[in-house]
C-alpha cells in the first residue's frame, strides 16, 4: 500500500499538448510559391473563368469565327495579417523562460488554421475579400435546406466552373454528413465526387453572407452557413518570439511577465467561385 505525506510539494505538470483538429483548411489549401515580398500582401490574378466553347472543324465562312474571349477580371488584393497568442505569469513562477515561451508557441501552432479560417470566412482581422462578402452567390435562394441537400447545391455550383475547388463545412455539418457521404483520402476529407472539404472550427458562427445588397438571412440554432470556393492558397511565417528576453517581458510594477507568439499569415482564393448555402443540421 502506497503512503502519501502531507509535506511533499505538488509537482507542476503542463496540461495535454494542444493539437490541431483533423481536416482543417490547412489540409486542403495550397502553399503559395516562396517570395520574400509576400508579407506585403498580394494581388491574386485569376485564370480565365470561361468554360470551353466548341466548333465544327469543317465549318466555313462565318461559322469558323470564334467567340471573343471574356476579359479576365482585375486581380483581387489579399493583405497579410499578424496573428498572436499570449500568456502571462509572474516572476515568482519557477517555470524557465524558454519553457514558458514554448507553451504559447504550442498553442499557436495548434490554432493557426482557426485564424486563417476566421479571416477567410469573415475577414475578422484585416479588411479583405472573404467568403461571405457581397460577391457571394446565395444558393437555394438563401433558404435553409437540410445538410445533405446543401452539399448537393455546393457540388453543383462548383460544377458550373468546370474545375476543382473546395467545400467549406462547419464541424456540425461534417458530423451530420459523416463518413457515409465524406471519405478520408490520406488525411484529406473528400466528397463522393472527390471535392476536397475543409472542416473549419473558424467557420462556426460566421457572419451571414449578403449578395447584391439583398437582405441578410441569419443562421439560427441548428443551422450553419456552408461555402464553396475555388482552390485556396496560404502562407505562414515562422513563429516569432516577442519579446525575446524575460527582461523585456517584465512589468516591474506588477511583477508580471507577458509573452506573445506571433506569426504573419496570408490566405486567398480565386473569387470567381464563391457560393454559400444555409444548412439545417438535420440530414
Foldseek 3Di string as FASTA:
>chain_A
DDDDDPPDDDDDDDDPQQAADFQALVLFAAADDDDPPCQAWDFDFDDQQDDDDDADPPDDDPSPDDDDGDDGDGTFTWHKDKDKDKDKDFPPDPDDPVRRQVNQVRVCVRCVSLVVLLCQAAVVTHDGDHQQEQAAAEPPNQDADALVVQVVRQVVLVVVRVDAWEKEAEPLSCVLCDCVAWPQDPRFIAGPVGHTYHHHPNQPPGDFHHYPPDDGDDADPQKGKIKIFHHKYKHKDDWDKVPPDQVVQADVVVSMGMIMTMMMMTMDGDHVRHYIYMYGSHD
